[in-house]
């Protein structure tokens, strides 16, 4: 049985790392307000940040929860509407860490 992806890692653009680090709680709240069915881990300084845009990386597996029967000990999350990542990136572009508000 495949499960839907519901967690994402958001990597800040290279030039915004410090600002996103300071605004991380606000950014997480902003994203969760727009996408209440998803959770987000914010990475102000990713290993390969884009120069101008946020990277959105879906978390494609998780550990089995108590009571779930799955071998090996991982659940593969394969279902994700193809429009989700572009929608998240669009919302991220509207976030203004310098004013701690969204446009």
PDB file of N, CA and C in Angstrom:
ATOM      1  N   UNK A   1       0.840  -1.179   0.000  1.00  0.00           N
ATOM      2  CA  UNK A   1       0.000   0.000   0.000  1.00  0.00           C
ATOM      3  C   UNK A   1       0.887   1.244   0.000  1.00  0.00           C
ATOM      4  N   UNK A   2       0.630   2.141  -0.916  1.00  0.00           N
ATOM      5  CA  UNK A   2       1.401   3.384  -0.979  1.00  0.00           C
ATOM      6  C   UNK A   2       0.710   4.460  -0.156  1.00  0.00           C
ATOM      7  N   UNK A   3       1.515   5.313   0.439  1.00  0.00           N
ATOM      8  CA  UNK A   3       1.013   6.405   1.247  1.00  0.00           C
ATOM      9  C   UNK A   3       1.341   7.719   0.553  1.00  0.00           C
ATOM     10  N   UNK A   4       0.596   8.765   0.910  1.00  0.00           N
ATOM     11  CA  UNK A   4       0.862  10.077   0.329  1.00  0.00           C
ATOM     12  C   UNK A   4       2.001  10.775   1.061  1.00  0.00           C
ATOM     13  N   UNK A   5       2.777  11.517   0.304  1.00  0.00           N
ATOM     14  CA  UNK A   5       3.830  12.344   0.873  1.00  0.00           C
ATOM     15  C   UNK A   5       3.153  13.463   1.660  1.00  0.00           C
ATOM     16  N   UNK A   6       3.622  13.706   2.886  1.00  0.00           N
ATOM     17  CA  UNK A   6       3.037  14.791   3.682  1.00  0.00           C
ATOM     18  C   UNK A   6       4.088  15.620   4.419  1.00  0.00           C
ATOM     19  N   UNK A   7       5.360  15.372   4.135  1.00  0.00           N
ATOM     20  CA  UNK A   7       6.437  16.140   4.753  1.00  0.00           C
ATOM     21  C   UNK A   7       7.417  16.587   3.682  1.00  0.00           C
ATOM     22  N   UNK A   8       7.932  17.800   3.884  1.00  0.00           N
ATOM     23  CA  UNK A   8       8.857  18.375   2.912  1.00  0.00           C
ATOM     24  C   UNK A   8      10.015  19.057   3.627  1.00  0.00           C
ATOM     25  N   UNK A   9      11.168  19.049   2.978  1.00  0.00           N
ATOM     26  CA  UNK A   9      12.309  19.845   3.404  1.00  0.00           C
ATOM     27  C   UNK A   9      12.345  21.054   2.481  1.00  0.00           C
ATOM     28  N   UNK A  10      12.444  22.243   3.073  1.00  0.00           N
ATOM     29  CA  UNK A  10      12.525  23.482   2.300  1.00  0.00           C
ATOM     30  C   UNK A  10      13.920  24.041   2.490  1.00  0.00           C
ATOM     31  N   UNK A  11      14.648  24.218   1.372  1.00  0.00           N
ATOM     32  CA  UNK A  11      16.002  24.772   1.414  1.00  0.00           C
ATOM     33  C   UNK A  11      15.942  26.200   0.876  1.00  0.00           C
ATOM     34  N   UNK A  12      16.444  27.124   1.682  1.00  0.00           N
ATOM     35  CA  UNK A  12      16.423  28.541   1.312  1.00  0.00           C
ATOM     36  C   UNK A  12      17.381  28.827   0.163  1.00  0.00           C
ATOM     37  N   UNK A  13      17.085  29.870  -0.626  1.00  0.00           N
ATOM     38  CA  UNK A  13      18.051  30.301  -1.641  1.00  0.00           C
ATOM     39  C   UNK A  13      19.368  30.703  -0.973  1.00  0.00           C
ATOM     40  N   UNK A  14      20.454  30.579  -1.689  1.00  0.00           N
ATOM     41  CA  UNK A  14      21.788  30.823  -1.130  1.00  0.00           C
ATOM     42  C   UNK A  14      21.914  32.176  -0.431  1.00  0.00           C
ATOM     43  N   UNK A  15      21.374  33.216  -1.015  1.00  0.00           N
ATOM     44  CA  UNK A  15      21.518  34.547  -0.445  1.00  0.00           C
ATOM     45  C   UNK A  15      20.571  34.869   0.685  1.00  0.00           C
ATOM     46  N   UNK A  16      19.652  33.956   1.016  1.00  0.00           N
ATOM     47  CA  UNK A  16      18.658  34.232   2.052  1.00  0.00           C
ATOM     48  C   UNK A  16      18.857  33.417   3.319  1.00  0.00           C
ATOM     49  N   UNK A  17      19.939  32.644   3.381  1.00  0.00           N
ATOM     50  CA  UNK A  17      20.134  31.727   4.497  1.00  0.00           C
ATOM     51  C   UNK A  17      19.997  32.360   5.871  1.00  0.00           C
ATOM     52  N   UNK A  18      20.699  33.453   6.111  1.00  0.00           N
ATOM     53  CA  UNK A  18      20.663  34.094   7.429  1.00  0.00           C
ATOM     54  C   UNK A  18      19.266  34.630   7.740  1.00  0.00           C
ATOM     55  N   UNK A  19      18.625  35.266   6.760  1.00  0.00           N
ATOM     56  CA  UNK A  19      17.277  35.803   6.973  1.00  0.00           C
ATOM     57  C   UNK A  19      16.284  34.686   7.276  1.00  0.00           C
ATOM     58  N   UNK A  20      16.394  33.581   6.571  1.00  0.00           N
ATOM     59  CA  UNK A  20      15.482  32.455   6.796  1.00  0.00           C
ATOM     60  C   UNK A  20      15.780  31.799   8.143  1.00  0.00           C
ATOM     61  N   UNK A  21      17.043  31.759   8.523  1.00  0.00           N
ATOM     62  CA  UNK A  21      17.393  31.214   9.832  1.00  0.00           C
ATOM     63  C   UNK A  21      16.673  31.994  10.938  1.00  0.00           C
ATOM     64  N   UNK A  22      16.669  33.317  10.848  1.00  0.00           N
ATOM     65  CA  UNK A  22      16.013  34.162  11.844  1.00  0.00           C
ATOM     66  C   UNK A  22      14.492  34.054  11.771  1.00  0.00           C
ATOM     67  N   UNK A  23      13.962  33.856  10.591  1.00  0.00           N
ATOM     68  CA  UNK A  23      12.507  33.835  10.391  1.00  0.00           C
ATOM     69  C   UNK A  23      11.946  32.413  10.305  1.00  0.00           C
ATOM     70  N   UNK A  24      12.730  31.423  10.678  1.00  0.00           N
ATOM     71  CA  UNK A  24      12.306  30.033  10.509  1.00  0.00           C
ATOM     72  C   UNK A  24      10.950  29.716  11.144  1.00  0.00           C
ATOM     73  N   UNK A  25      10.683  30.107  12.394  1.00  0.00           N
ATOM     74  CA  UNK A  25       9.360  29.791  12.965  1.00  0.00           C
ATOM     75  C   UNK A  25       8.217  30.451  12.193  1.00  0.00           C
ATOM     76  N   UNK A  26       8.431  31.679  11.745  1.00  0.00           N
ATOM     77  CA  UNK A  26       7.393  32.374  10.987  1.00  0.00           C
ATOM     78  C   UNK A  26       7.173  31.713   9.623  1.00  0.00           C
ATOM     79  N   UNK A  27       8.259  31.289   8.986  1.00  0.00           N
ATOM     80  CA  UNK A  27       8.136  30.629   7.694  1.00  0.00           C
ATOM     81  C   UNK A  27       7.396  29.305   7.830  1.00  0.00           C
ATOM     82  N   UNK A  28       7.733  28.536   8.841  1.00  0.00           N
ATOM     83  CA  UNK A  28       7.058  27.254   9.057  1.00  0.00           C
ATOM     84  C   UNK A  28       5.563  27.492   9.301  1.00  0.00           C
ATOM     85  N   UNK A  29       5.232  28.464  10.137  1.00  0.00           N
ATOM     86  CA  UNK A  29       3.837  28.784  10.417  1.00  0.00           C
ATOM     87  C   UNK A  29       3.114  29.254   9.153  1.00  0.00           C
ATOM     88  N   UNK A  30       3.787  30.067   8.365  1.00  0.00           N
ATOM     89  CA  UNK A  30       3.240  30.579   7.108  1.00  0.00           C
ATOM     90  C   UNK A  30       2.916  29.419   6.161  1.00  0.00           C
ATOM     91  N   UNK A  31       3.853  28.507   6.007  1.00  0.00           N
ATOM     92  CA  UNK A  31       3.634  27.351   5.131  1.00  0.00           C
ATOM     93  C   UNK A  31       2.515  26.456   5.651  1.00  0.00           C
ATOM     94  N   UNK A  32       2.518  26.181   6.946  1.00  0.00           N
ATOM     95  CA  UNK A  32       1.496  25.304   7.510  1.00  0.00           C
ATOM     96  C   UNK A  32       0.119  25.953   7.460  1.00  0.00           C
ATOM     97  N   UNK A  33       0.061  27.292   7.459  1.00  0.00           N
ATOM     98  CA  UNK A  33      -1.209  27.982   7.274  1.00  0.00           C
ATOM     99  C   UNK A  33      -1.762  27.804   5.867  1.00  0.00           C
ATOM    100  N   UNK A  34      -0.872  27.767   4.881  1.00  0.00           N
ATOM    101  CA  UNK A  34      -1.284  27.561   3.489  1.00  0.00           C
ATOM    102  C   UNK A  34      -1.500  26.089   3.153  1.00  0.00           C
ATOM    103  N   UNK A  35      -0.757  25.217   3.819  1.00  0.00           N
ATOM    104  CA  UNK A  35      -0.800  23.777   3.523  1.00  0.00           C
ATOM    105  C   UNK A  35      -0.964  22.991   4.831  1.00  0.00           C
ATOM    106  N   UNK A  36      -2.159  23.023   5.427  1.00  0.00           N
ATOM    107  CA  UNK A  36      -2.341  22.407   6.752  1.00  0.00           C
ATOM    108  C   UNK A  36      -2.173  20.883   6.780  1.00  0.00           C
ATOM    109  N   UNK A  37      -2.234  20.225   5.647  1.00  0.00           N
ATOM    110  CA  UNK A  37      -2.073  18.769   5.624  1.00  0.00           C
ATOM    111  C   UNK A  37      -0.613  18.338   5.547  1.00  0.00           C
ATOM    112  N   UNK A  38       0.303  19.303   5.432  1.00  0.00           N
ATOM    113  CA  UNK A  38       1.721  18.997   5.287  1.00  0.00           C
ATOM    114  C   UNK A  38       2.523  19.572   6.445  1.00  0.00           C
ATOM    115  N   UNK A  39       3.689  18.982   6.681  1.00  0.00           N
ATOM    116  CA  UNK A  39       4.630  19.549   7.648  1.00  0.00           C
ATOM    117  C   UNK A  39       5.935  19.848   6.913  1.00  0.00           C
ATOM    118  N   UNK A  40       6.689  20.793   7.477  1.00  0.00           N
ATOM    119  CA  UNK A  40       7.871  21.296   6.788  1.00  0.00           C
ATOM    120  C   UNK A  40       9.062  21.352   7.724  1.00  0.00           C
ATOM    121  N   UNK A  41      10.209  20.972   7.194  1.00  0.00           N
ATOM    122  CA  UNK A  41      11.485  21.157   7.887  1.00  0.00           C
ATOM    123  C   UNK A  41      12.237  22.211   7.087  1.00  0.00           C
ATOM    124  N   UNK A  42      12.639  23.271   7.756  1.00  0.00           N
ATOM    125  CA  UNK A  42      13.298  24.390   7.091  1.00  0.00           C
ATOM    126  C   UNK A  42      14.806  24.238   7.222  1.00  0.00           C
ATOM    127  N   UNK A  43      15.512  24.353   6.101  1.00  0.00           N
ATOM    128  CA  UNK A  43      16.974  24.308   6.069  1.00  0.00           C
ATOM    129  C   UNK A  43      17.480  25.638   5.510  1.00  0.00           C
ATOM    130  N   UNK A  44      17.920  26.554   6.385  1.00  0.00           N
ATOM    131  CA  UNK A  44      18.409  27.844   5.891  1.00  0.00           C
ATOM    132  C   UNK A  44      19.656  27.713   5.024  1.00  0.00           C
ATOM    133  N   UNK A  45      20.474  26.705   5.316  1.00  0.00           N
ATOM    134  CA  UNK A  45      21.731  26.515   4.585  1.00  0.00           C
ATOM    135  C   UNK A  45      21.793  25.077   4.077  1.00  0.00           C
ATOM    136  N   UNK A  46      21.228  24.824   2.923  1.00  0.00           N
ATOM    137  CA  UNK A  46      21.246  23.478   2.364  1.00  0.00           C
ATOM    138  C   UNK A  46      22.576  23.170   1.714  1.00  0.00           C
ATOM    139  N   UNK A  47      22.837  21.897   1.438  1.00  0.00           N
ATOM    140  CA  UNK A  47      24.109  21.520   0.830  1.00  0.00           C
ATOM    141  C   UNK A  47      24.270  22.025  -0.609  1.00  0.00           C
ATOM    142  N   UNK A  48      23.161  22.162  -1.326  1.00  0.00           N
ATOM    143  CA  UNK A  48      23.198  22.622  -2.715  1.00  0.00           C
ATOM    144  C   UNK A  48      22.098  23.653  -2.950  1.00  0.00           C
ATOM    145  N   UNK A  49      22.175  24.808  -2.294  1.00  0.00           N
ATOM    146  CA  UNK A  49      21.096  25.787  -2.453  1.00  0.00           C
ATOM    147  C   UNK A  49      21.083  26.398  -3.842  1.00  0.00           C
ATOM    148  N   UNK A  50      19.894  26.697  -4.306  1.00  0.00           N
ATOM    149  CA  UNK A  50      19.718  27.423  -5.558  1.00  0.00           C
ATOM    150  C   UNK A  50      20.078  28.879  -5.272  1.00  0.00           C
ATOM    151  N   UNK A  51      20.555  29.578  -6.239  1.00  0.00           N
ATOM    152  CA  UNK A  51      20.934  30.984  -6.042  1.00  0.00           C
ATOM    153  C   UNK A  51      19.728  31.889  -5.838  1.00  0.00           C
ATOM    154  N   UNK A  52      18.608  31.577  -6.489  1.00  0.00           N
ATOM    155  CA  UNK A  52      17.489  32.509  -6.487  1.00  0.00           C
ATOM    156  C   UNK A  52      16.164  31.954  -5.977  1.00  0.00           C
ATOM    157  N   UNK A  53      16.015  30.655  -5.878  1.00  0.00           N
ATOM    158  CA  UNK A  53      14.714  30.105  -5.542  1.00  0.00           C
ATOM    159  C   UNK A  53      14.833  29.057  -4.436  1.00  0.00           C
ATOM    160  N   UNK A  54      13.731  28.855  -3.733  1.00  0.00           N
ATOM    161  CA  UNK A  54      13.659  27.822  -2.718  1.00  0.00           C
ATOM    162  C   UNK A  54      13.645  26.447  -3.385  1.00  0.00           C
ATOM    163  N   UNK A  55      14.251  25.477  -2.726  1.00  0.00           N
ATOM    164  CA  UNK A  55      14.135  24.083  -3.148  1.00  0.00           C
ATOM    165  C   UNK A  55      13.132  23.410  -2.218  1.00  0.00           C
ATOM    166  N   UNK A  56      12.268  22.601  -2.777  1.00  0.00           N
ATOM    167  CA  UNK A  56      11.278  21.858  -1.993  1.00  0.00           C
ATOM    168  C   UNK A  56      11.505  20.384  -2.276  1.00  0.00           C
ATOM    169  N   UNK A  57      11.868  19.642  -1.231  1.00  0.00           N
ATOM    170  CA  UNK A  57      12.232  18.236  -1.374  1.00  0.00           C
ATOM    171  C   UNK A  57      11.232  17.393  -0.589  1.00  0.00           C
ATOM    172  N   UNK A  58      10.485  16.530  -1.263  1.00  0.00           N
ATOM    173  CA  UNK A  58       9.542  15.673  -0.538  1.00  0.00           C
ATOM    174  C   UNK A  58      10.283  14.577   0.218  1.00  0.00           C
ATOM    175  N   UNK A  59       9.809  14.270   1.410  1.00  0.00           N
ATOM    176  CA  UNK A  59      10.355  13.157   2.183  1.00  0.00           C
ATOM    177  C   UNK A  59       9.568  11.927   1.743  1.00  0.00           C
ATOM    178  N   UNK A  60      10.262  10.994   1.124  1.00  0.00           N
ATOM    179  CA  UNK A  60       9.613   9.878   0.451  1.00  0.00           C
ATOM    180  C   UNK A  60       9.519   8.591   1.267  1.00  0.00           C
ATOM    181  N   UNK A  61      10.007   8.588   2.501  1.00  0.00           N
ATOM    182  CA  UNK A  61       9.863   7.395   3.329  1.00  0.00           C
ATOM    183  C   UNK A  61       9.851   7.812   4.793  1.00  0.00           C
ATOM    184  N   UNK A  62       9.377   6.917   5.617  1.00  0.00           N
ATOM    185  CA  UNK A  62       9.361   7.153   7.060  1.00  0.00           C
ATOM    186  C   UNK A  62       9.413   5.807   7.762  1.00  0.00           C
ATOM    187  N   UNK A  63       9.717   5.845   9.033  1.00  0.00           N
ATOM    188  CA  UNK A  63       9.728   4.620   9.827  1.00  0.00           C
ATOM    189  C   UNK A  63       8.297   4.132  10.023  1.00  0.00           C
ATOM    190  N   UNK A  64       8.140   2.842  10.137  1.00  0.00           N
ATOM    191  CA  UNK A  64       6.822   2.279  10.413  1.00  0.00           C
ATOM    192  C   UNK A  64       6.372   2.716  11.802  1.00  0.00           C
ATOM    193  N   UNK A  65       5.095   3.053  11.918  1.00  0.00           N
ATOM    194  CA  UNK A  65       4.534   3.442  13.207  1.00  0.00           C
ATOM    195  C   UNK A  65       4.083   2.207  13.956  1.00  0.00           C
ATOM    196  N   UNK A  66       3.939   2.339  15.251  1.00  0.00           N
ATOM    197  CA  UNK A  66       3.510   1.238  16.103  1.00  0.00           C
ATOM    198  C   UNK A  66       2.217   0.636  15.548  1.00  0.00           C
ATOM    199  N   UNK A  67       2.203  -0.638  15.333  1.00  0.00           N
ATOM    200  CA  UNK A  67       1.022  -1.319  14.834  1.00  0.00           C
ATOM    201  C   UNK A  67       0.997  -1.500  13.322  1.00  0.00           C
ATOM    202  N   UNK A  68       1.851  -0.787  12.596  1.00  0.00           N
ATOM    203  CA  UNK A  68       1.904  -0.945  11.137  1.00  0.00           C
ATOM    204  C   UNK A  68       2.747  -2.164  10.796  1.00  0.00           C
ATOM    205  N   UNK A  69       2.246  -2.971   9.893  1.00  0.00           N
ATOM    206  CA  UNK A  69       2.978  -4.143   9.440  1.00  0.00           C
ATOM    207  C   UNK A  69       3.686  -3.783   8.144  1.00  0.00           C
ATOM    208  N   UNK A  70       5.006  -3.662   8.200  1.00  0.00           N
ATOM    209  CA  UNK A  70       5.767  -3.323   7.001  1.00  0.00           C
ATOM    210  C   UNK A  70       7.171  -3.871   7.135  1.00  0.00           C
ATOM    211  N   UNK A  71       7.630  -4.549   6.133  1.00  0.00           N
ATOM    212  CA  UNK A  71       9.006  -5.033   6.073  1.00  0.00           C
ATOM    213  C   UNK A  71       9.681  -4.404   4.880  1.00  0.00           C
ATOM    214  N   UNK A  72      10.878  -3.903   4.937  1.00  0.00           N
ATOM    215  CA  UNK A  72      11.629  -3.690   6.172  1.00  0.00           C
ATOM    216  C   UNK A  72      10.985  -2.594   7.014  1.00  0.00           C
ATOM    217  N   UNK A  73      11.727  -1.929   7.838  1.00  0.00           N
ATOM    218  CA  UNK A  73      11.172  -0.991   8.809  1.00  0.00           C
ATOM    219  C   UNK A  73      10.861   0.381   8.239  1.00  0.00           C
ATOM    220  N   UNK A  74      10.639   0.475   6.959  1.00  0.00           N
ATOM    221  CA  UNK A  74      10.345   1.763   6.328  1.00  0.00           C
ATOM    222  C   UNK A  74       9.028   1.694   5.564  1.00  0.00           C
ATOM    223  N   UNK A  75       8.350   2.830   5.514  1.00  0.00           N
ATOM    224  CA  UNK A  75       7.142   2.988   4.706  1.00  0.00           C
ATOM    225  C   UNK A  75       7.522   3.886   3.537  1.00  0.00           C
ATOM    226  N   UNK A  76       7.280   3.433   2.316  1.00  0.00           N
ATOM    227  CA  UNK A  76       7.589   4.234   1.140  1.00  0.00           C
ATOM    228  C   UNK A  76       6.375   5.083   0.800  1.00  0.00           C
ATOM    229  N   UNK A  77       6.599   6.387   0.667  1.00  0.00           N
ATOM    230  CA  UNK A  77       5.538   7.337   0.365  1.00  0.00           C
ATOM    231  C   UNK A  77       5.653   7.722  -1.097  1.00  0.00           C
ATOM    232  N   UNK A  78       4.739   7.253  -1.904  1.00  0.00           N
ATOM    233  CA  UNK A  78       4.916   7.425  -3.338  1.00  0.00           C
ATOM    234  C   UNK A  78       3.903   8.351  -3.987  1.00  0.00           C
ATOM    235  N   UNK A  79       2.818   8.624  -3.332  1.00  0.00           N
ATOM    236  CA  UNK A  79       1.788   9.424  -3.970  1.00  0.00           C
ATOM    237  C   UNK A  79       1.982  10.900  -3.659  1.00  0.00           C
ATOM    238  N   UNK A  80       2.067  11.694  -4.721  1.00  0.00           N
ATOM    239  CA  UNK A  80       2.185  13.139  -4.570  1.00  0.00           C
ATOM    240  C   UNK A  80       1.639  13.790  -5.828  1.00  0.00           C
ATOM    241  N   UNK A  81       0.635  14.611  -5.653  1.00  0.00           N
ATOM    242  CA  UNK A  81       0.071  15.352  -6.777  1.00  0.00           C
ATOM    243  C   UNK A  81       1.183  16.201  -7.376  1.00  0.00           C
ATOM    244  N   UNK A  82       1.408  16.146  -8.684  1.00  0.00           N
ATOM    245  CA  UNK A  82       2.510  16.889  -9.299  1.00  0.00           C
ATOM    246  C   UNK A  82       2.419  18.405  -9.156  1.00  0.00           C
ATOM    247  N   UNK A  83       1.255  18.911  -8.810  1.00  0.00           N
ATOM    248  CA  UNK A  83       1.118  20.363  -8.654  1.00  0.00           C
ATOM    249  C   UNK A  83       1.544  20.852  -7.271  1.00  0.00           C
ATOM    250  N   UNK A  84       1.757  19.964  -6.309  1.00  0.00           N
ATOM    251  CA  UNK A  84       2.033  20.374  -4.931  1.00  0.00           C
ATOM    252  C   UNK A  84       3.346  21.144  -4.806  1.00  0.00           C
ATOM    253  N   UNK A  85       4.428  20.622  -5.322  1.00  0.00           N
ATOM    254  CA  UNK A  85       5.726  21.300  -5.166  1.00  0.00           C
ATOM    255  C   UNK A  85       5.721  22.665  -5.848  1.00  0.00           C
ATOM    256  N   UNK A  86       5.220  22.812  -7.075  1.00  0.00           N
ATOM    257  CA  UNK A  86       5.143  24.164  -7.646  1.00  0.00           C
ATOM    258  C   UNK A  86       4.272  25.118  -6.816  1.00  0.00           C
ATOM    259  N   UNK A  87       3.185  24.615  -6.225  1.00  0.00           N
ATOM    260  CA  UNK A  87       2.337  25.458  -5.377  1.00  0.00           C
ATOM    261  C   UNK A  87       3.095  25.910  -4.129  1.00  0.00           C
ATOM    262  N   UNK A  88       3.832  25.004  -3.513  1.00  0.00           N
ATOM    263  CA  UNK A  88       4.620  25.367  -2.327  1.00  0.00           C
ATOM    264  C   UNK A  88       5.670  26.406  -2.698  1.00  0.00           C
ATOM    265  N   UNK A  89       6.347  26.216  -3.816  1.00  0.00           N
ATOM    266  CA  UNK A  89       7.373  27.181  -4.250  1.00  0.00           C
ATOM    267  C   UNK A  89       6.754  28.548  -4.522  1.00  0.00           C
ATOM    268  N   UNK A  90       5.556  28.583  -5.082  1.00  0.00           N
ATOM    269  CA  UNK A  90       4.864  29.846  -5.339  1.00  0.00           C
ATOM    270  C   UNK A  90       4.587  30.579  -4.026  1.00  0.00           C
ATOM    271  N   UNK A  91       4.107  29.852  -3.033  1.00  0.00           N
ATOM    272  CA  UNK A  91       3.834  30.452  -1.723  1.00  0.00           C
ATOM    273  C   UNK A  91       5.135  30.926  -1.079  1.00  0.00           C
ATOM    274  N   UNK A  92       6.201  30.155  -1.213  1.00  0.00           N
ATOM    275  CA  UNK A  92       7.497  30.553  -0.654  1.00  0.00           C
ATOM    276  C   UNK A  92       8.010  31.854  -1.270  1.00  0.00           C
ATOM    277  N   UNK A  93       7.786  32.045  -2.539  1.00  0.00           N
ATOM    278  CA  UNK A  93       8.238  33.276  -3.207  1.00  0.00           C
ATOM    279  C   UNK A  93       7.558  34.517  -2.631  1.00  0.00           C
ATOM    280  N   UNK A  94       6.364  34.364  -2.077  1.00  0.00           N
ATOM    281  CA  UNK A  94       5.634  35.493  -1.517  1.00  0.00           C
ATOM    282  C   UNK A  94       6.044  35.805  -0.077  1.00  0.00           C
ATOM    283  N   UNK A  95       6.831  34.929   0.552  1.00  0.00           N
ATOM    284  CA  UNK A  95       7.249  35.152   1.934  1.00  0.00           C
ATOM    285  C   UNK A  95       8.363  36.184   1.980  1.00  0.00           C
ATOM    286  N   UNK A  96       8.217  37.163   2.861  1.00  0.00           N
ATOM    287  CA  UNK A  96       9.208  38.233   3.006  1.00  0.00           C
ATOM    288  C   UNK A  96       9.855  38.155   4.381  1.00  0.00           C
ATOM    289  N   UNK A  97      11.030  37.511   4.488  1.00  0.00           N
ATOM    290  CA  UNK A  97      11.653  37.375   5.806  1.00  0.00           C
ATOM    291  C   UNK A  97      12.128  38.699   6.393  1.00  0.00           C
ATOM    292  N   UNK A  98      12.389  39.692   5.564  1.00  0.00           N
ATOM    293  CA  UNK A  98      12.873  40.970   6.099  1.00  0.00           C
ATOM    294  C   UNK A  98      11.781  41.718   6.832  1.00  0.00           C
ATOM    295  N   UNK A  99      10.537  41.536   6.423  1.00  0.00           N
ATOM    296  CA  UNK A  99       9.429  42.194   7.102  1.00  0.00           C
ATOM    297  C   UNK A  99       8.657  41.238   7.988  1.00  0.00           C
ATOM    298  N   UNK A 100       9.097  39.981   8.010  1.00  0.00           N
ATOM    299  CA  UNK A 100       8.423  38.919   8.758  1.00  0.00           C
ATOM    300  C   UNK A 100       6.936  38.875   8.452  1.00  0.00           C
ATOM    301  N   UNK A 101       6.636  39.062   7.164  1.00  0.00           N
ATOM    302  CA  UNK A 101       5.260  38.949   6.705  1.00  0.00           C
ATOM    303  C   UNK A 101       5.250  38.482   5.270  1.00  0.00           C
ATOM    304  N   UNK A 102       4.091  38.119   4.817  1.00  0.00           N
ATOM    305  CA  UNK A 102       3.949  37.689   3.425  1.00  0.00           C
ATOM    306  C   UNK A 102       3.233  38.790   2.657  1.00  0.00           C
ATOM    307  N   UNK A 103       3.526  38.889   1.388  1.00  0.00           N
ATOM    308  CA  UNK A 103       2.869  39.860   0.518  1.00  0.00           C
ATOM    309  C   UNK A 103       1.475  39.388   0.211  1.00  0.00           C
TER     310      UNK A 103
END
